[in-house]
Protein backbone atom coordinates (compact mmCIF):
# COMPACT_ATOMS: atom_id res chain seq x y z
CA MET A 1 -187.79 -7.65 36.47
CA THR A 2 -188.39 -4.50 38.48
CA GLY A 3 -192.17 -4.82 38.64
CA LYS A 4 -192.51 -1.19 37.62
CA THR A 5 -195.16 -0.18 35.09
CA GLU A 6 -193.77 0.09 31.57
CA VAL A 7 -194.68 3.38 29.91
CA VAL A 8 -194.29 5.49 26.80
CA ILE A 9 -194.27 9.29 26.91
CA ALA A 10 -196.30 10.87 24.09
CA ILE A 11 -195.70 14.53 23.17
CA ASN A 12 -198.03 16.56 20.94
CA PRO A 13 -197.11 20.22 20.28
CA GLY A 14 -199.95 22.47 19.10
CA SER A 15 -200.00 26.08 17.98
CA THR A 16 -200.45 27.52 21.51
CA SER A 17 -199.79 24.55 23.79
CA THR A 18 -197.80 21.37 24.25
CA LYS A 19 -199.56 18.25 25.49
CA PHE A 20 -197.81 15.22 26.88
CA GLY A 21 -199.05 12.03 28.45
CA LEU A 22 -197.70 8.99 30.23
CA TRP A 23 -199.23 5.82 28.82
CA SER A 24 -199.00 2.19 29.82
CA ARG A 25 -200.28 -0.52 27.49
CA GLY A 26 -203.74 -0.23 28.96
CA GLU A 27 -204.33 3.30 30.14
CA CYS A 28 -203.24 6.89 30.51
CA LEU A 29 -201.38 7.34 33.81
CA ALA A 30 -200.98 11.10 33.53
CA GLU A 31 -201.69 13.86 31.04
CA LYS A 32 -200.73 17.52 31.03
CA THR A 33 -201.30 20.54 28.79
CA ILE A 34 -198.79 23.39 29.02
CA LYS A 35 -200.08 26.65 27.51
CA HIS A 36 -197.70 28.91 25.60
CA SER A 37 -199.44 32.27 25.50
CA ASP A 38 -196.04 33.97 25.69
CA LEU A 39 -194.37 32.32 22.71
CA PRO A 40 -191.72 34.62 21.23
CA GLN A 41 -192.99 36.63 18.25
CA GLY A 42 -191.32 35.60 15.00
CA ALA A 43 -189.60 32.71 16.74
CA THR A 44 -187.81 30.20 14.57
CA LEU A 45 -188.55 26.50 14.84
CA MET A 46 -185.60 25.94 17.15
CA ASP A 47 -186.44 29.03 19.27
CA GLN A 48 -189.88 27.49 19.78
CA PHE A 49 -188.31 24.15 20.65
CA GLU A 50 -186.13 25.65 23.38
CA HIS A 51 -189.01 27.70 24.80
CA ARG A 52 -191.36 24.72 25.00
CA ARG A 53 -188.69 22.34 26.28
CA SER A 54 -187.87 24.66 29.15
CA LEU A 55 -191.53 24.79 30.22
CA ILE A 56 -192.34 21.08 30.08
CA GLU A 57 -189.05 19.53 31.23
CA LYS A 58 -189.71 19.60 34.96
CA GLU A 59 -193.21 18.19 34.43
CA ILE A 60 -191.84 15.31 32.37
CA ASP A 61 -189.01 14.63 34.84
CA ASN A 62 -191.53 14.35 37.68
CA SER A 63 -193.93 12.18 35.71
CA ILE A 64 -191.54 9.25 35.19
CA ALA A 65 -190.61 8.70 38.82
CA GLY A 66 -191.38 5.11 39.78
CA VAL A 67 -192.02 3.78 36.27
CA THR A 68 -189.96 2.08 33.56
CA LEU A 69 -189.73 4.34 30.52
CA LEU A 70 -189.58 2.37 27.25
CA ALA A 71 -189.68 5.07 24.58
CA ILE A 72 -190.77 8.59 23.58
CA ALA A 73 -193.40 9.27 20.91
CA GLY A 74 -193.64 12.68 19.23
CA ARG A 75 -196.26 13.93 16.82
CA GLY A 76 -195.00 13.74 13.25
CA GLY A 77 -194.60 16.95 11.28
CA LEU A 78 -194.66 18.10 7.67
CA LEU A 79 -192.21 15.63 6.20
CA LYS A 80 -192.03 14.40 2.64
CA PRO A 81 -194.79 11.95 1.65
CA LEU A 82 -194.40 8.59 3.40
CA ALA A 83 -196.30 5.42 4.22
CA GLY A 84 -198.24 5.16 7.46
CA GLY A 85 -196.75 3.58 10.56
CA ALA A 86 -194.15 4.26 13.25
CA TYR A 87 -190.76 5.73 12.31
CA GLN A 88 -187.71 5.90 14.53
CA ILE A 89 -186.49 9.48 14.67
CA ASN A 90 -183.10 9.94 13.03
CA ALA A 91 -180.79 12.65 11.72
CA ALA A 92 -182.32 12.64 8.24
CA MET A 93 -185.77 13.33 9.66
CA LEU A 94 -184.60 16.14 11.94
CA SER A 95 -182.59 17.72 9.14
CA GLU A 96 -185.61 17.73 6.85
CA LEU A 97 -187.84 19.28 9.50
CA LYS A 98 -185.32 22.12 9.88
CA ALA A 99 -185.27 22.78 6.14
CA VAL A 100 -186.52 26.23 5.18
CA ASN A 101 -188.35 24.88 2.14
CA LEU A 102 -190.85 22.98 4.28
CA THR A 103 -193.93 24.73 5.66
CA TYR A 104 -193.75 25.62 9.35
CA HIS A 105 -196.29 23.85 11.52
CA ALA A 106 -196.26 23.25 15.30
CA SER A 107 -196.25 19.49 14.67
CA ASN A 108 -192.71 19.86 13.28
CA LEU A 109 -191.53 20.30 16.87
CA GLY A 110 -192.77 16.85 17.94
CA ALA A 111 -189.75 14.99 16.62
CA PHE A 112 -187.28 17.45 18.18
CA LEU A 113 -188.91 17.24 21.61
CA ALA A 114 -189.14 13.45 21.45
CA ASP A 115 -185.50 13.19 20.32
CA PHE A 116 -184.32 15.45 23.14
CA TYR A 117 -185.99 13.38 25.86
CA ALA A 118 -185.02 10.09 24.26
CA ARG A 119 -181.38 11.13 24.44
CA LYS A 120 -181.81 12.35 27.98
CA TYR A 121 -183.41 9.13 29.23
CA GLU A 122 -181.47 6.80 26.86
CA VAL A 123 -184.45 5.29 25.05
CA ASN A 124 -185.59 5.38 21.43
CA ALA A 125 -187.81 8.10 19.95
CA TYR A 126 -190.52 7.66 17.32
CA ILE A 127 -193.15 9.49 15.34
CA VAL A 128 -196.39 7.78 14.29
CA ASP A 129 -198.60 8.46 11.25
CA PRO A 130 -197.54 12.07 10.57
CA VAL A 131 -199.71 14.53 8.66
CA THR A 132 -197.96 13.71 5.37
CA VAL A 133 -198.88 10.02 5.31
CA ASP A 134 -199.36 9.33 1.59
CA GLU A 135 -201.01 6.10 0.46
CA PHE A 136 -202.72 7.56 -2.61
CA THR A 137 -203.45 5.70 -5.78
CA ASP A 138 -202.13 7.31 -8.96
CA LEU A 139 -205.68 8.36 -9.88
CA ALA A 140 -206.02 10.26 -6.61
CA ARG A 141 -203.05 12.50 -7.50
CA ILE A 142 -204.61 13.92 -10.67
CA SER A 143 -205.84 17.49 -10.11
CA GLY A 144 -207.03 18.67 -13.51
CA VAL A 145 -203.84 20.46 -14.56
CA PRO A 146 -200.52 18.66 -15.08
CA TRP A 147 -198.51 21.17 -13.03
CA ILE A 148 -200.47 20.48 -9.82
CA LYS A 149 -200.55 17.09 -8.10
CA ARG A 150 -203.06 16.51 -5.32
CA LYS A 151 -201.30 16.07 -1.98
CA SER A 152 -202.09 13.88 1.00
CA ARG A 153 -201.93 16.12 4.07
CA ALA A 154 -204.44 14.99 6.64
CA HIS A 155 -205.17 14.14 10.27
CA ALA A 156 -203.65 10.72 9.61
CA LEU A 157 -202.80 9.93 13.24
CA ASN A 158 -206.38 10.20 14.48
CA ILE A 159 -207.91 8.77 11.30
CA LYS A 160 -205.86 5.59 11.53
CA ALA A 161 -206.51 5.30 15.27
CA VAL A 162 -210.30 5.48 14.90
CA VAL A 163 -210.15 3.06 11.98
CA ARG A 164 -208.59 0.50 14.33
CA ARG A 165 -211.26 1.21 16.96
CA ALA A 166 -214.09 0.93 14.45
CA THR A 167 -212.66 -2.24 12.92
CA ALA A 168 -212.58 -3.90 16.34
CA GLN A 169 -216.10 -2.67 17.14
CA LEU A 170 -217.45 -4.01 13.85
CA GLY A 171 -215.64 -7.33 14.23
CA LEU A 172 -213.83 -6.93 10.91
CA GLU A 173 -210.30 -7.66 9.73
CA LEU A 174 -208.43 -4.40 9.07
CA ALA A 175 -207.08 -5.64 5.74
CA ASN A 176 -210.62 -6.13 4.42
CA THR A 177 -212.26 -2.90 5.59
CA ARG A 178 -213.65 -0.11 3.40
CA LEU A 179 -214.38 2.99 5.47
CA VAL A 180 -215.03 6.68 5.01
CA VAL A 181 -213.55 8.71 7.89
CA ALA A 182 -214.36 12.37 8.50
CA HIS A 183 -212.09 14.19 10.97
CA LEU A 184 -213.91 17.43 11.76
CA GLY A 185 -211.83 19.88 13.81
CA GLY A 186 -210.23 23.27 13.18
CA GLY A 187 -209.35 21.71 9.84
CA THR A 188 -211.20 18.95 8.02
CA SER A 189 -209.90 15.66 6.61
CA ILE A 190 -212.36 13.32 4.90
CA ALA A 191 -210.72 10.12 3.73
CA ALA A 192 -211.44 6.95 1.85
CA VAL A 193 -209.67 4.24 3.86
CA LYS A 194 -209.25 0.83 2.24
CA GLY A 195 -207.56 -1.95 4.16
CA GLY A 196 -206.27 0.60 6.68
CA LYS A 197 -204.68 2.82 3.99
CA LEU A 198 -205.70 6.41 3.19
CA VAL A 199 -206.20 5.90 -0.55
CA ASP A 200 -207.74 9.37 -1.00
CA VAL A 201 -208.33 12.44 1.19
CA ASN A 202 -208.80 16.16 0.73
CA ASP A 203 -205.77 18.34 1.49
CA ALA A 204 -206.60 19.49 5.02
CA LEU A 205 -203.91 22.16 5.14
CA LEU A 206 -204.60 24.30 2.08
CA GLY A 207 -206.35 22.49 -0.70
CA MET A 208 -209.63 20.90 -1.63
CA GLY A 209 -212.53 19.76 0.51
CA PRO A 210 -215.17 21.35 2.76
CA PHE A 211 -214.73 24.58 4.67
CA SER A 212 -214.06 24.17 8.38
CA PRO A 213 -214.14 26.43 11.45
CA GLU A 214 -210.95 28.18 10.22
CA ARG A 215 -210.20 27.08 6.65
CA ALA A 216 -211.87 28.08 3.41
CA GLY A 217 -211.70 24.69 1.70
CA ALA A 218 -212.30 24.44 -2.05
CA LEU A 219 -213.32 27.74 -3.67
CA PRO A 220 -214.60 28.95 -7.04
CA ILE A 221 -211.45 29.60 -9.06
CA GLY A 222 -212.46 32.83 -10.83
CA PRO A 223 -213.15 35.01 -7.76
CA LEU A 224 -210.06 33.61 -6.03
CA ILE A 225 -207.86 34.63 -8.97
CA GLU A 226 -209.41 38.10 -8.91
CA ARG A 227 -208.65 38.37 -5.20
CA CYS A 228 -205.03 37.34 -5.79
CA PHE A 229 -204.46 40.12 -8.33
CA SER A 230 -206.66 42.80 -6.76
CA GLY A 231 -203.80 44.49 -4.92
CA GLU A 232 -205.94 44.48 -1.77
CA VAL A 233 -204.02 41.71 -0.01
CA THR A 234 -200.48 40.38 0.05
CA LYS A 235 -199.74 36.69 -0.47
CA GLN A 236 -199.26 36.21 3.28
CA GLU A 237 -202.47 38.06 4.12
CA LEU A 238 -204.41 35.91 1.68
CA LEU A 239 -202.93 32.74 3.17
CA VAL A 240 -204.14 33.88 6.61
CA GLU A 241 -207.59 34.64 5.16
CA LEU A 242 -207.86 31.15 3.73
CA THR A 243 -206.36 29.14 6.59
CA LYS A 244 -207.18 31.11 9.77
CA ARG A 245 -210.07 33.44 8.92
CA GLY A 246 -211.99 31.38 6.40
CA GLY A 247 -214.91 29.03 6.91
CA ILE A 248 -217.02 29.58 10.02
CA ALA A 249 -214.62 32.29 11.27
CA GLY A 250 -215.17 34.26 8.08
CA TYR A 251 -218.95 34.16 8.36
CA CYS A 252 -219.34 34.45 12.13
CA GLY A 253 -216.23 36.24 13.39
CA THR A 254 -215.16 33.28 15.53
CA SER A 255 -214.00 29.73 14.89
CA ASP A 256 -215.28 28.50 18.27
CA ILE A 257 -218.07 26.12 17.31
CA ARG A 258 -219.54 26.25 20.80
CA ILE A 259 -220.11 30.00 20.48
CA VAL A 260 -221.53 29.65 16.97
CA LEU A 261 -223.93 26.93 18.12
CA GLU A 262 -225.12 29.23 20.90
CA LEU A 263 -225.64 32.03 18.38
CA ALA A 264 -227.64 29.70 16.16
CA ASP A 265 -229.77 28.58 19.13
CA ARG A 266 -230.56 32.25 19.83
CA GLY A 267 -231.84 32.72 16.29
CA ASP A 268 -228.76 34.10 14.51
CA ASP A 269 -229.53 33.33 10.86
CA ILE A 270 -225.92 33.75 9.66
CA ALA A 271 -224.62 31.32 12.30
CA SER A 272 -227.34 28.79 11.42
CA LEU A 273 -226.64 29.05 7.70
CA ALA A 274 -222.87 28.76 8.18
CA LEU A 275 -223.22 25.61 10.34
CA ASP A 276 -225.71 24.07 7.91
CA GLY A 277 -223.39 24.91 5.03
CA MET A 278 -220.43 23.26 6.73
CA MET A 279 -222.39 20.06 7.34
CA TYR A 280 -223.70 20.16 3.77
CA GLN A 281 -220.17 20.40 2.38
CA ASN A 282 -218.91 17.68 4.75
CA ALA A 283 -221.71 15.41 3.55
CA LYS A 284 -220.82 16.02 -0.10
CA GLU A 285 -217.20 15.09 0.55
CA ILE A 286 -218.22 11.95 2.46
CA GLY A 287 -220.33 11.01 -0.55
CA ALA A 288 -217.37 11.61 -2.85
CA MET A 289 -215.14 9.33 -0.77
CA ALA A 290 -217.86 6.67 -0.74
CA THR A 291 -217.72 6.84 -4.53
CA VAL A 292 -213.95 6.30 -4.43
CA LEU A 293 -214.77 3.03 -2.62
CA GLN A 294 -217.33 2.28 -5.37
CA GLY A 295 -220.18 2.45 -2.87
CA LYS A 296 -218.94 -0.54 -0.90
CA VAL A 297 -218.59 1.05 2.54
CA ASP A 298 -218.58 -0.82 5.87
CA ALA A 299 -219.09 2.33 7.93
CA VAL A 300 -218.86 6.10 7.92
CA ILE A 301 -216.79 7.28 10.89
CA ILE A 302 -217.05 10.82 12.29
CA THR A 303 -214.33 12.06 14.64
CA GLY A 304 -212.65 15.29 15.80
CA GLY A 305 -213.82 18.06 18.09
CA ILE A 306 -216.97 18.95 16.13
CA ALA A 307 -218.22 15.38 16.67
CA PHE A 308 -219.06 16.38 20.27
CA SER A 309 -222.04 18.34 18.94
CA GLU A 310 -225.04 15.99 18.86
CA SER A 311 -227.10 18.43 16.78
CA LEU A 312 -224.45 18.71 14.07
CA MET A 313 -223.97 14.93 14.06
CA GLU A 314 -227.70 14.36 13.59
CA LYS A 315 -227.69 16.79 10.68
CA LEU A 316 -224.73 15.03 9.08
CA LYS A 317 -226.30 11.61 9.59
CA SER A 318 -229.44 12.80 7.84
CA TYR A 319 -227.34 13.29 4.70
CA VAL A 320 -225.00 10.29 4.80
CA GLY A 321 -226.80 7.65 6.86
CA TYR A 322 -227.95 5.91 3.67
CA ILE A 323 -224.35 5.10 2.71
CA ALA A 324 -223.48 2.85 5.68
CA PRO A 325 -223.79 2.75 9.48
CA VAL A 326 -222.42 5.96 11.02
CA LEU A 327 -220.04 5.61 14.00
CA VAL A 328 -219.11 8.70 16.02
CA PHE A 329 -215.83 8.93 17.97
CA PRO A 330 -215.69 12.51 19.34
CA GLY A 331 -212.33 14.18 19.97
CA GLU A 332 -208.86 13.26 18.82
CA ASP A 333 -207.00 11.14 21.41
CA GLU A 334 -203.73 11.89 19.59
CA LEU A 335 -201.57 11.17 22.64
CA LYS A 336 -203.20 7.76 22.98
CA ALA A 337 -202.72 7.09 19.27
CA LEU A 338 -199.03 8.01 19.49
CA ALA A 339 -198.46 5.70 22.46
CA GLU A 340 -200.40 2.83 20.90
CA GLY A 341 -198.36 3.13 17.70
CA VAL A 342 -195.10 2.83 19.62
CA PHE A 343 -196.34 -0.08 21.75
CA ARG A 344 -197.24 -1.94 18.53
CA VAL A 345 -193.57 -1.66 17.52
CA LEU A 346 -192.19 -2.52 20.96
CA ASP A 347 -194.45 -5.57 21.24
CA GLY A 348 -193.58 -6.86 17.77
CA ASP A 349 -197.04 -6.34 16.29
CA GLU A 350 -195.73 -3.91 13.69
CA GLU A 351 -192.32 -3.31 12.16
CA VAL A 352 -190.67 0.04 12.75
CA LYS A 353 -189.96 2.01 9.58
CA ASN A 354 -186.67 3.71 8.84
CA TYR A 355 -186.86 7.29 7.65
CA GLY A 356 -184.34 7.77 4.87
CA GLY A 357 -185.27 11.33 4.04
CA ASP A 358 -185.67 10.38 0.38
CA ILE A 359 -188.90 8.41 0.32
């Protein structure tokens, strides 16, 4: 025994930054955010990997002096549908993330960065609860037309982490819990979680559900079809409209909720209406997920960046407080969730899953 603190490095790449943290079993020992304002335009996935790696490598090298590194955890990307849990990164996973037929997302870089440092430091690398965790029932996949199946693409990492926190706080066994979890951030995921599994959730990437600070959410079909065939926008331009310039950004010209709240406080009627509308739609989706659980709900959990706003939380509670007690866990804590998921595997509390690439 060396007596050194045992740690896991957690790496979470975002659209304009890469976060990493050094975690022991009990606490965060160090955390760093590296901004990437100068990312190469039109960079491929692997160009982005090399750029980010070169910026964070020295920071990571310095952070592990004097500790015992056990493993690396990277944020999971847009893989094929898979069960929740921790997966050891392997060639099949990396090959799939490189595939041109999968949507590009910054989270796809998590596995590559984790794999690189795992090889460098001779430890294992893992992802935990990626965005494509799929634990749907067959009923949840039905869309209304046979050629479209509803997809599970959600903030699974944070949702599952706050479910564990809430379960402990409520003194319940995870296997017996029935919870509705609303992750409210740049995108929105509102899930029915039964026994720790996401049995239904809106597609947070480009699908159903409430509008968010950036995303349009579910829309009336007729006007959307007219927009598609109007000749006024290309397919790519429309995708940007719906995923980056929709929701609050579309109404208010910014997706920064802090600015919009300030506008509303100064009497801006459009800002007030947009915020009220977002909470109204979130409440409707929470009610829908409570119905999925047949009204038997132990708690409604609100998390994500928007949960920092007390005024918006009070408005949301006024709609959904009748369903069950409302617990608020502001923020995301994704680095912590990644590290905790890996420690559960290392400590034998959970079995590691093997990614076969054909799940």
